[in-house]
Amino acid sequence: MRNGTPGAIASRNQGSGFFGAVRAHAGPEEAWALALRSIANATGCSDEAVRVCLDSRYGRHFADDVLSDLLSDQELAGAIDRAVERWTDRRIDGQIEEEVGIP
């Protein structure tokens, strides 16, 4: 299954992580596909690496960042893109990079 979105790699943690966090506030399939593509484009990482990150606790935190923009009446794609911009400005250590596979 591909979360109902053509071309999107499926979440393996639909009850938690990014997918689970956005479920109550946005269409999780659409949000998943938009986040996957936006993060992959911004980082150059594979869809599989992005999936690991979005399925992790960091995906849950990323979703919280997206949802805070949604609660401010922002549209979903824009909220995701703004969250990606904020997150790519953050510095991470080697342990986090190894855990989620995204530099």
PDB file of N, CA and C in Angstrom:
ATOM      1  N   MET A   1       0.834  -1.189   0.000  1.00  0.00           N
ATOM      2  CA  MET A   1       0.000   0.000   0.000  1.00  0.00           C
ATOM      3  C   MET A   1       0.872   1.244   0.000  1.00  0.00           C
ATOM      4  N   ARG A   2       0.411   2.249  -0.678  1.00  0.00           N
ATOM      5  CA  ARG A   2       1.177   3.474  -0.779  1.00  0.00           C
ATOM      6  C   ARG A   2       0.430   4.649  -0.166  1.00  0.00           C
ATOM      7  N   ASN A   3      -0.276   4.419   0.942  1.00  0.00           N
ATOM      8  CA  ASN A   3      -1.041   5.455   1.628  1.00  0.00           C
ATOM      9  C   ASN A   3      -2.085   6.094   0.722  1.00  0.00           C
ATOM     10  N   GLY A   4      -2.521   5.372  -0.329  1.00  0.00           N
ATOM     11  CA  GLY A   4      -3.531   5.903  -1.213  1.00  0.00           C
ATOM     12  C   GLY A   4      -3.052   6.994  -2.149  1.00  0.00           C
ATOM     13  N   THR A   5      -1.762   7.292  -2.153  1.00  0.00           N
ATOM     14  CA  THR A   5      -1.222   8.357  -2.976  1.00  0.00           C
ATOM     15  C   THR A   5      -0.287   7.763  -4.009  1.00  0.00           C
ATOM     16  N   PRO A   6      -0.600   7.922  -5.304  1.00  0.00           N
ATOM     17  CA  PRO A   6       0.268   7.363  -6.340  1.00  0.00           C
ATOM     18  C   PRO A   6       1.689   7.886  -6.216  1.00  0.00           C
ATOM     19  N   GLY A   7       2.655   6.997  -6.259  1.00  0.00           N
ATOM     20  CA  GLY A   7       4.060   7.381  -6.238  1.00  0.00           C
ATOM     21  C   GLY A   7       4.645   7.632  -4.868  1.00  0.00           C
ATOM     22  N   ALA A   8       3.831   7.654  -3.827  1.00  0.00           N
ATOM     23  CA  ALA A   8       4.356   7.923  -2.483  1.00  0.00           C
ATOM     24  C   ALA A   8       4.738   6.620  -1.809  1.00  0.00           C
ATOM     25  N   ILE A   9       5.875   6.601  -1.176  1.00  0.00           N
ATOM     26  CA  ILE A   9       6.293   5.445  -0.399  1.00  0.00           C
ATOM     27  C   ILE A   9       5.455   5.429   0.882  1.00  0.00           C
ATOM     28  N   ALA A  10       5.006   4.275   1.277  1.00  0.00           N
ATOM     29  CA  ALA A  10       4.081   4.152   2.403  1.00  0.00           C
ATOM     30  C   ALA A  10       4.757   4.306   3.754  1.00  0.00           C
ATOM     31  N   SER A  11       4.020   4.891   4.685  1.00  0.00           N
ATOM     32  CA  SER A  11       4.451   4.943   6.076  1.00  0.00           C
ATOM     33  C   SER A  11       4.402   3.542   6.658  1.00  0.00           C
ATOM     34  N   ARG A  12       5.308   3.256   7.550  1.00  0.00           N
ATOM     35  CA  ARG A  12       5.284   1.999   8.293  1.00  0.00           C
ATOM     36  C   ARG A  12       4.879   2.235   9.738  1.00  0.00           C
ATOM     37  N   ASN A  13       4.439   3.449  10.018  1.00  0.00           N
ATOM     38  CA  ASN A  13       4.072   3.820  11.384  1.00  0.00           C
ATOM     39  C   ASN A  13       2.865   4.755  11.324  1.00  0.00           C
ATOM     40  N   GLN A  14       1.771   4.270  10.788  1.00  0.00           N
ATOM     41  CA  GLN A  14       0.614   5.124  10.569  1.00  0.00           C
ATOM     42  C   GLN A  14      -0.103   5.533  11.846  1.00  0.00           C
ATOM     43  N   GLY A  15       0.197   4.887  12.938  1.00  0.00           N
ATOM     44  CA  GLY A  15      -0.429   5.249  14.206  1.00  0.00           C
ATOM     45  C   GLY A  15       0.332   6.310  14.965  1.00  0.00           C
ATOM     46  N   SER A  16       1.533   6.609  14.542  1.00  0.00           N
ATOM     47  CA  SER A  16       2.375   7.566  15.247  1.00  0.00           C
ATOM     48  C   SER A  16       3.204   8.309  14.214  1.00  0.00           C
ATOM     49  N   GLY A  17       4.319   8.881  14.630  1.00  0.00           N
ATOM     50  CA  GLY A  17       5.147   9.613  13.684  1.00  0.00           C
ATOM     51  C   GLY A  17       4.348  10.714  13.002  1.00  0.00           C
ATOM     52  N   PHE A  18       4.795  11.145  11.840  1.00  0.00           N
ATOM     53  CA  PHE A  18       4.133  12.212  11.101  1.00  0.00           C
ATOM     54  C   PHE A  18       2.709  11.823  10.721  1.00  0.00           C
ATOM     55  N   PHE A  19       2.544  10.650  10.134  1.00  0.00           N
ATOM     56  CA  PHE A  19       1.243  10.203   9.637  1.00  0.00           C
ATOM     57  C   PHE A  19       0.197  10.216  10.744  1.00  0.00           C
ATOM     58  N   GLY A  20       0.535   9.650  11.879  1.00  0.00           N
ATOM     59  CA  GLY A  20      -0.401   9.599  12.989  1.00  0.00           C
ATOM     60  C   GLY A  20      -0.715  10.963  13.568  1.00  0.00           C
ATOM     61  N   ALA A  21       0.282  11.845  13.577  1.00  0.00           N
ATOM     62  CA  ALA A  21       0.087  13.171  14.159  1.00  0.00           C
ATOM     63  C   ALA A  21      -0.822  14.054  13.316  1.00  0.00           C
ATOM     64  N   VAL A  22      -0.764  13.936  12.004  1.00  0.00           N
ATOM     65  CA  VAL A  22      -1.577  14.816  11.158  1.00  0.00           C
ATOM     66  C   VAL A  22      -2.978  14.269  10.928  1.00  0.00           C
ATOM     67  N   ARG A  23      -3.196  13.016  11.246  1.00  0.00           N
ATOM     68  CA  ARG A  23      -4.471  12.340  10.955  1.00  0.00           C
ATOM     69  C   ARG A  23      -5.698  13.138  11.413  1.00  0.00           C
ATOM     70  N   ALA A  24      -5.667  13.742  12.578  1.00  0.00           N
ATOM     71  CA  ALA A  24      -6.839  14.434  13.110  1.00  0.00           C
ATOM     72  C   ALA A  24      -7.015  15.842  12.539  1.00  0.00           C
ATOM     73  N   HIS A  25      -6.036  16.353  11.834  1.00  0.00           N
ATOM     74  CA  HIS A  25      -6.079  17.748  11.406  1.00  0.00           C
ATOM     75  C   HIS A  25      -6.010  17.957   9.896  1.00  0.00           C
ATOM     76  N   ALA A  26      -5.599  16.943   9.172  1.00  0.00           N
ATOM     77  CA  ALA A  26      -5.459  17.048   7.713  1.00  0.00           C
ATOM     78  C   ALA A  26      -5.560  15.647   7.144  1.00  0.00           C
ATOM     79  N   GLY A  27      -5.763  15.558   5.861  1.00  0.00           N
ATOM     80  CA  GLY A  27      -5.766  14.252   5.219  1.00  0.00           C
ATOM     81  C   GLY A  27      -4.378  13.658   5.309  1.00  0.00           C
ATOM     82  N   PRO A  28      -4.198  12.567   6.055  1.00  0.00           N
ATOM     83  CA  PRO A  28      -2.847  12.050   6.270  1.00  0.00           C
ATOM     84  C   PRO A  28      -2.165  11.591   4.986  1.00  0.00           C
ATOM     85  N   GLU A  29      -2.912  11.063   4.029  1.00  0.00           N
ATOM     86  CA  GLU A  29      -2.293  10.603   2.786  1.00  0.00           C
ATOM     87  C   GLU A  29      -1.729  11.778   1.998  1.00  0.00           C
ATOM     88  N   GLU A  30      -2.527  12.847   1.882  1.00  0.00           N
ATOM     89  CA  GLU A  30      -2.067  14.031   1.158  1.00  0.00           C
ATOM     90  C   GLU A  30      -0.882  14.676   1.880  1.00  0.00           C
ATOM     91  N   ALA A  31      -0.998  14.826   3.196  1.00  0.00           N
ATOM     92  CA  ALA A  31       0.071  15.445   3.976  1.00  0.00           C
ATOM     93  C   ALA A  31       1.356  14.626   3.875  1.00  0.00           C
ATOM     94  N   TRP A  32       1.216  13.296   3.944  1.00  0.00           N
ATOM     95  CA  TRP A  32       2.372  12.409   3.841  1.00  0.00           C
ATOM     96  C   TRP A  32       3.087  12.613   2.511  1.00  0.00           C
ATOM     97  N   ALA A  33       2.325  12.590   1.423  1.00  0.00           N
ATOM     98  CA  ALA A  33       2.913  12.729   0.091  1.00  0.00           C
ATOM     99  C   ALA A  33       3.600  14.087  -0.070  1.00  0.00           C
ATOM    100  N   LEU A  34       2.957  15.146   0.413  1.00  0.00           N
ATOM    101  CA  LEU A  34       3.552  16.482   0.309  1.00  0.00           C
ATOM    102  C   LEU A  34       4.830  16.587   1.138  1.00  0.00           C
ATOM    103  N   ALA A  35       4.787  16.056   2.359  1.00  0.00           N
ATOM    104  CA  ALA A  35       5.968  16.124   3.233  1.00  0.00           C
ATOM    105  C   ALA A  35       7.113  15.292   2.666  1.00  0.00           C
ATOM    106  N   LEU A  36       6.790  14.102   2.203  1.00  0.00           N
ATOM    107  CA  LEU A  36       7.823  13.229   1.640  1.00  0.00           C
ATOM    108  C   LEU A  36       8.540  13.928   0.487  1.00  0.00           C
ATOM    109  N   ARG A  37       7.769  14.494  -0.432  1.00  0.00           N
ATOM    110  CA  ARG A  37       8.352  15.145  -1.602  1.00  0.00           C
ATOM    111  C   ARG A  37       9.123  16.399  -1.214  1.00  0.00           C
ATOM    112  N   SER A  38       8.565  17.220  -0.339  1.00  0.00           N
ATOM    113  CA  SER A  38       9.220  18.461   0.054  1.00  0.00           C
ATOM    114  C   SER A  38      10.548  18.199   0.770  1.00  0.00           C
ATOM    115  N   ILE A  39      10.553  17.234   1.674  1.00  0.00           N
ATOM    116  CA  ILE A  39      11.784  16.916   2.402  1.00  0.00           C
ATOM    117  C   ILE A  39      12.819  16.303   1.467  1.00  0.00           C
ATOM    118  N   ALA A  40      12.403  15.392   0.606  1.00  0.00           N
ATOM    119  CA  ALA A  40      13.339  14.776  -0.346  1.00  0.00           C
ATOM    120  C   ALA A  40      13.955  15.832  -1.255  1.00  0.00           C
ATOM    121  N   ASN A  41      13.141  16.760  -1.729  1.00  0.00           N
ATOM    122  CA  ASN A  41      13.658  17.824  -2.596  1.00  0.00           C
ATOM    123  C   ASN A  41      14.634  18.732  -1.858  1.00  0.00           C
ATOM    124  N   ALA A  42      14.326  19.050  -0.607  1.00  0.00           N
ATOM    125  CA  ALA A  42      15.173  19.962   0.166  1.00  0.00           C
ATOM    126  C   ALA A  42      16.486  19.326   0.597  1.00  0.00           C
ATOM    127  N   THR A  43      16.466  18.015   0.844  1.00  0.00           N
ATOM    128  CA  THR A  43      17.659  17.357   1.394  1.00  0.00           C
ATOM    129  C   THR A  43      18.425  16.520   0.389  1.00  0.00           C
ATOM    130  N   GLY A  44      17.767  16.135  -0.700  1.00  0.00           N
ATOM    131  CA  GLY A  44      18.399  15.240  -1.662  1.00  0.00           C
ATOM    132  C   GLY A  44      18.418  13.793  -1.195  1.00  0.00           C
ATOM    133  N   CYS A  45      17.713  13.507  -0.109  1.00  0.00           N
ATOM    134  CA  CYS A  45      17.668  12.150   0.427  1.00  0.00           C
ATOM    135  C   CYS A  45      16.654  11.303  -0.331  1.00  0.00           C
ATOM    136  N   SER A  46      16.841  10.006  -0.236  1.00  0.00           N
ATOM    137  CA  SER A  46      15.918   9.072  -0.877  1.00  0.00           C
ATOM    138  C   SER A  46      14.576   9.090  -0.161  1.00  0.00           C
ATOM    139  N   ASP A  47      13.541   8.642  -0.867  1.00  0.00           N
ATOM    140  CA  ASP A  47      12.222   8.532  -0.253  1.00  0.00           C
ATOM    141  C   ASP A  47      12.256   7.611   0.959  1.00  0.00           C
ATOM    142  N   GLU A  48      13.048   6.557   0.884  1.00  0.00           N
ATOM    143  CA  GLU A  48      13.157   5.615   2.005  1.00  0.00           C
ATOM    144  C   GLU A  48      13.749   6.301   3.238  1.00  0.00           C
ATOM    145  N   ALA A  49      14.777   7.125   3.058  1.00  0.00           N
ATOM    146  CA  ALA A  49      15.375   7.843   4.184  1.00  0.00           C
ATOM    147  C   ALA A  49      14.383   8.825   4.781  1.00  0.00           C
ATOM    148  N   VAL A  50      13.626   9.498   3.934  1.00  0.00           N
ATOM    149  CA  VAL A  50      12.617  10.438   4.416  1.00  0.00           C
ATOM    150  C   VAL A  50      11.521   9.685   5.159  1.00  0.00           C
ATOM    151  N   ARG A  51      11.125   8.516   4.649  1.00  0.00           N
ATOM    152  CA  ARG A  51      10.120   7.706   5.330  1.00  0.00           C
ATOM    153  C   ARG A  51      10.570   7.353   6.747  1.00  0.00           C
ATOM    154  N   VAL A  52      11.818   6.949   6.891  1.00  0.00           N
ATOM    155  CA  VAL A  52      12.339   6.595   8.216  1.00  0.00           C
ATOM    156  C   VAL A  52      12.234   7.794   9.152  1.00  0.00           C
ATOM    157  N   CYS A  53      12.590   8.961   8.650  1.00  0.00           N
ATOM    158  CA  CYS A  53      12.523  10.171   9.477  1.00  0.00           C
ATOM    159  C   CYS A  53      11.081  10.499   9.838  1.00  0.00           C
ATOM    160  N   LEU A  54      10.196  10.500   8.860  1.00  0.00           N
ATOM    161  CA  LEU A  54       8.798  10.846   9.135  1.00  0.00           C
ATOM    162  C   LEU A  54       8.119   9.827  10.044  1.00  0.00           C
ATOM    163  N   ASP A  55       8.533   8.588   9.988  1.00  0.00           N
ATOM    164  CA  ASP A  55       7.956   7.557  10.858  1.00  0.00           C
ATOM    165  C   ASP A  55       8.514   7.608  12.284  1.00  0.00           C
ATOM    166  N   SER A  56       9.576   8.354  12.490  1.00  0.00           N
ATOM    167  CA  SER A  56      10.231   8.404  13.801  1.00  0.00           C
ATOM    168  C   SER A  56       9.602   9.476  14.697  1.00  0.00           C
ATOM    169  N   ARG A  57      10.137   9.598  15.876  1.00  0.00           N
ATOM    170  CA  ARG A  57       9.667  10.645  16.800  1.00  0.00           C
ATOM    171  C   ARG A  57       9.916  12.027  16.224  1.00  0.00           C
ATOM    172  N   TYR A  58      10.946  12.161  15.359  1.00  0.00           N
ATOM    173  CA  TYR A  58      11.212  13.447  14.726  1.00  0.00           C
ATOM    174  C   TYR A  58      10.102  13.792  13.734  1.00  0.00           C
ATOM    175  N   GLY A  59       9.527  12.778  13.112  1.00  0.00           N
ATOM    176  CA  GLY A  59       8.384  12.997  12.230  1.00  0.00           C
ATOM    177  C   GLY A  59       7.200  13.550  12.994  1.00  0.00           C
ATOM    178  N   ARG A  60       7.020  13.055  14.206  1.00  0.00           N
ATOM    179  CA  ARG A  60       5.944  13.562  15.073  1.00  0.00           C
ATOM    180  C   ARG A  60       6.182  15.032  15.404  1.00  0.00           C
ATOM    181  N   HIS A  61       7.412  15.378  15.720  1.00  0.00           N
ATOM    182  CA  HIS A  61       7.744  16.778  16.026  1.00  0.00           C
ATOM    183  C   HIS A  61       7.610  17.657  14.784  1.00  0.00           C
ATOM    184  N   PHE A  62       8.015  17.122  13.638  1.00  0.00           N
ATOM    185  CA  PHE A  62       7.861  17.852  12.380  1.00  0.00           C
ATOM    186  C   PHE A  62       6.367  18.106  12.127  1.00  0.00           C
ATOM    187  N   ALA A  63       5.542  17.101  12.358  1.00  0.00           N
ATOM    188  CA  ALA A  63       4.097  17.257  12.180  1.00  0.00           C
ATOM    189  C   ALA A  63       3.545  18.340  13.102  1.00  0.00           C
ATOM    190  N   ASP A  64       4.020  18.384  14.330  1.00  0.00           N
ATOM    191  CA  ASP A  64       3.571  19.423  15.258  1.00  0.00           C
ATOM    192  C   ASP A  64       3.876  20.808  14.701  1.00  0.00           C
ATOM    193  N   ASP A  65       5.047  20.949  14.078  1.00  0.00           N
ATOM    194  CA  ASP A  65       5.443  22.221  13.466  1.00  0.00           C
ATOM    195  C   ASP A  65       4.498  22.559  12.304  1.00  0.00           C
ATOM    196  N   VAL A  66       4.196  21.586  11.474  1.00  0.00           N
ATOM    197  CA  VAL A  66       3.260  21.783  10.356  1.00  0.00           C
ATOM    198  C   VAL A  66       1.885  22.156  10.896  1.00  0.00           C
ATOM    199  N   LEU A  67       1.427  21.439  11.898  1.00  0.00           N
ATOM    200  CA  LEU A  67       0.084  21.670  12.438  1.00  0.00           C
ATOM    201  C   LEU A  67      -0.051  23.044  13.077  1.00  0.00           C
ATOM    202  N   SER A  68       1.013  23.560  13.653  1.00  0.00           N
ATOM    203  CA  SER A  68       0.919  24.904  14.233  1.00  0.00           C
ATOM    204  C   SER A  68       0.661  25.935  13.141  1.00  0.00           C
ATOM    205  N   ASP A  69       1.227  25.753  11.944  1.00  0.00           N
ATOM    206  CA  ASP A  69       0.922  26.645  10.828  1.00  0.00           C
ATOM    207  C   ASP A  69      -0.500  26.425  10.330  1.00  0.00           C
ATOM    208  N   LEU A  70      -0.960  25.179  10.313  1.00  0.00           N
ATOM    209  CA  LEU A  70      -2.331  24.909   9.877  1.00  0.00           C
ATOM    210  C   LEU A  70      -3.347  25.574  10.803  1.00  0.00           C
ATOM    211  N   LEU A  71      -3.060  25.589  12.083  1.00  0.00           N
ATOM    212  CA  LEU A  71      -3.969  26.215  13.039  1.00  0.00           C
ATOM    213  C   LEU A  71      -4.006  27.731  12.867  1.00  0.00           C
ATOM    214  N   SER A  72      -3.008  28.268  12.174  1.00  0.00           N
ATOM    215  CA  SER A  72      -2.977  29.701  11.876  1.00  0.00           C
ATOM    216  C   SER A  72      -3.584  29.984  10.509  1.00  0.00           C
ATOM    217  N   ASP A  73      -4.446  29.077  10.046  1.00  0.00           N
ATOM    218  CA  ASP A  73      -5.152  29.216   8.773  1.00  0.00           C
ATOM    219  C   ASP A  73      -4.224  29.207   7.562  1.00  0.00           C
ATOM    220  N   GLN A  74      -3.135  28.483   7.643  1.00  0.00           N
ATOM    221  CA  GLN A  74      -2.249  28.320   6.499  1.00  0.00           C
ATOM    222  C   GLN A  74      -2.695  27.097   5.705  1.00  0.00           C
ATOM    223  N   GLU A  75      -2.393  27.063   4.421  1.00  0.00           N
ATOM    224  CA  GLU A  75      -2.728  25.893   3.620  1.00  0.00           C
ATOM    225  C   GLU A  75      -1.680  24.808   3.832  1.00  0.00           C
ATOM    226  N   LEU A  76      -2.067  23.561   3.607  1.00  0.00           N
ATOM    227  CA  LEU A  76      -1.238  22.404   3.945  1.00  0.00           C
ATOM    228  C   LEU A  76       0.119  22.413   3.243  1.00  0.00           C
ATOM    229  N   ALA A  77       0.139  22.575   1.939  1.00  0.00           N
ATOM    230  CA  ALA A  77       1.415  22.541   1.208  1.00  0.00           C
ATOM    231  C   ALA A  77       2.351  23.640   1.687  1.00  0.00           C
ATOM    232  N   GLY A  78       1.826  24.830   1.900  1.00  0.00           N
ATOM    233  CA  GLY A  78       2.649  25.936   2.393  1.00  0.00           C
ATOM    234  C   GLY A  78       3.155  25.691   3.802  1.00  0.00           C
ATOM    235  N   ALA A  79       2.309  25.119   4.649  1.00  0.00           N
ATOM    236  CA  ALA A  79       2.711  24.815   6.029  1.00  0.00           C
ATOM    237  C   ALA A  79       3.839  23.796   6.035  1.00  0.00           C
ATOM    238  N   ILE A  80       3.741  22.808   5.166  1.00  0.00           N
ATOM    239  CA  ILE A  80       4.802  21.796   5.077  1.00  0.00           C
ATOM    240  C   ILE A  80       6.087  22.415   4.559  1.00  0.00           C
ATOM    241  N   ASP A  81       5.998  23.207   3.518  1.00  0.00           N
ATOM    242  CA  ASP A  81       7.199  23.847   2.969  1.00  0.00           C
ATOM    243  C   ASP A  81       7.868  24.762   3.991  1.00  0.00           C
ATOM    244  N   ARG A  82       7.083  25.514   4.755  1.00  0.00           N
ATOM    245  CA  ARG A  82       7.671  26.384   5.783  1.00  0.00           C
ATOM    246  C   ARG A  82       8.333  25.557   6.889  1.00  0.00           C
ATOM    247  N   ALA A  83       7.703  24.468   7.268  1.00  0.00           N
ATOM    248  CA  ALA A  83       8.310  23.601   8.284  1.00  0.00           C
ATOM    249  C   ALA A  83       9.621  23.014   7.760  1.00  0.00           C
ATOM    250  N   VAL A  84       9.648  22.598   6.508  1.00  0.00           N
ATOM    251  CA  VAL A  84      10.887  22.067   5.919  1.00  0.00           C
ATOM    252  C   VAL A  84      11.977  23.134   5.959  1.00  0.00           C
ATOM    253  N   GLU A  85      11.642  24.366   5.619  1.00  0.00           N
ATOM    254  CA  GLU A  85      12.630  25.451   5.670  1.00  0.00           C
ATOM    255  C   GLU A  85      13.178  25.622   7.076  1.00  0.00           C
ATOM    256  N   ARG A  86      12.300  25.626   8.063  1.00  0.00           N
ATOM    257  CA  ARG A  86      12.756  25.790   9.452  1.00  0.00           C
ATOM    258  C   ARG A  86      13.632  24.613   9.883  1.00  0.00           C
ATOM    259  N   TRP A  87      13.220  23.410   9.511  1.00  0.00           N
ATOM    260  CA  TRP A  87      13.955  22.223   9.940  1.00  0.00           C
ATOM    261  C   TRP A  87      15.299  22.087   9.226  1.00  0.00           C
ATOM    262  N   THR A  88      15.409  22.524   8.000  1.00  0.00           N
ATOM    263  CA  THR A  88      16.696  22.407   7.307  1.00  0.00           C
ATOM    264  C   THR A  88      17.700  23.424   7.836  1.00  0.00           C
ATOM    265  N   ASP A  89      17.227  24.426   8.550  1.00  0.00           N
ATOM    266  CA  ASP A  89      18.134  25.383   9.184  1.00  0.00           C
ATOM    267  C   ASP A  89      18.689  24.868  10.507  1.00  0.00           C
ATOM    268  N   ARG A  90      18.107  23.799  11.032  1.00  0.00           N
ATOM    269  CA  ARG A  90      18.545  23.252  12.319  1.00  0.00           C
ATOM    270  C   ARG A  90      19.791  22.393  12.141  1.00  0.00           C
ATOM    271  N   ARG A  91      20.595  22.378  13.169  1.00  0.00           N
ATOM    272  CA  ARG A  91      21.776  21.525  13.155  1.00  0.00           C
ATOM    273  C   ARG A  91      21.470  20.256  13.931  1.00  0.00           C
ATOM    274  N   ILE A  92      21.915  19.134  13.396  1.00  0.00           N
ATOM    275  CA  ILE A  92      21.721  17.869  14.090  1.00  0.00           C
ATOM    276  C   ILE A  92      23.077  17.219  14.309  1.00  0.00           C
ATOM    277  N   ASP A  93      23.118  16.321  15.260  1.00  0.00           N
ATOM    278  CA  ASP A  93      24.377  15.635  15.524  1.00  0.00           C
ATOM    279  C   ASP A  93      24.415  14.299  14.783  1.00  0.00           C
ATOM    280  N   GLY A  94      25.551  13.653  14.816  1.00  0.00           N
ATOM    281  CA  GLY A  94      25.760  12.384  14.113  1.00  0.00           C
ATOM    282  C   GLY A  94      24.820  11.294  14.571  1.00  0.00           C
ATOM    283  N   GLN A  95      24.465  11.284  15.844  1.00  0.00           N
ATOM    284  CA  GLN A  95      23.563  10.252  16.351  1.00  0.00           C
ATOM    285  C   GLN A  95      22.185  10.357  15.700  1.00  0.00           C
ATOM    286  N   ILE A  96      21.670  11.577  15.603  1.00  0.00           N
ATOM    287  CA  ILE A  96      20.356  11.776  14.979  1.00  0.00           C
ATOM    288  C   ILE A  96      20.448  11.439  13.491  1.00  0.00           C
ATOM    289  N   GLU A  97      21.516  11.871  12.844  1.00  0.00           N
ATOM    290  CA  GLU A  97      21.675  11.577  11.423  1.00  0.00           C
ATOM    291  C   GLU A  97      21.693  10.076  11.182  1.00  0.00           C
ATOM    292  N   GLU A  98      22.391   9.345  12.032  1.00  0.00           N
ATOM    293  CA  GLU A  98      22.458   7.889  11.894  1.00  0.00           C
ATOM    294  C   GLU A  98      21.098   7.245  12.178  1.00  0.00           C
ATOM    295  N   GLU A  99      20.390   7.783  13.170  1.00  0.00           N
ATOM    296  CA  GLU A  99      19.089   7.221  13.553  1.00  0.00           C
ATOM    297  C   GLU A  99      18.051   7.364  12.447  1.00  0.00           C
ATOM    298  N   VAL A 100      17.990   8.541  11.816  1.00  0.00           N
ATOM    299  CA  VAL A 100      16.933   8.778  10.832  1.00  0.00           C
ATOM    300  C   VAL A 100      17.436   8.788   9.397  1.00  0.00           C
ATOM    301  N   GLY A 101      18.737   8.827   9.185  1.00  0.00           N
ATOM    302  CA  GLY A 101      19.277   8.730   7.838  1.00  0.00           C
ATOM    303  C   GLY A 101      19.215   9.992   7.010  1.00  0.00           C
ATOM    304  N   ILE A 102      18.967  11.121   7.634  1.00  0.00           N
ATOM    305  CA  ILE A 102      18.906  12.383   6.900  1.00  0.00           C
ATOM    306  C   ILE A 102      19.971  13.322   7.462  1.00  0.00           C
ATOM    307  N   PRO A 103      20.805  13.867   6.579  1.00  0.00           N
ATOM    308  CA  PRO A 103      21.882  14.754   7.050  1.00  0.00           C
ATOM    309  C   PRO A 103      21.371  16.096   7.549  1.00  0.00           C
TER     310      PRO A 103
END
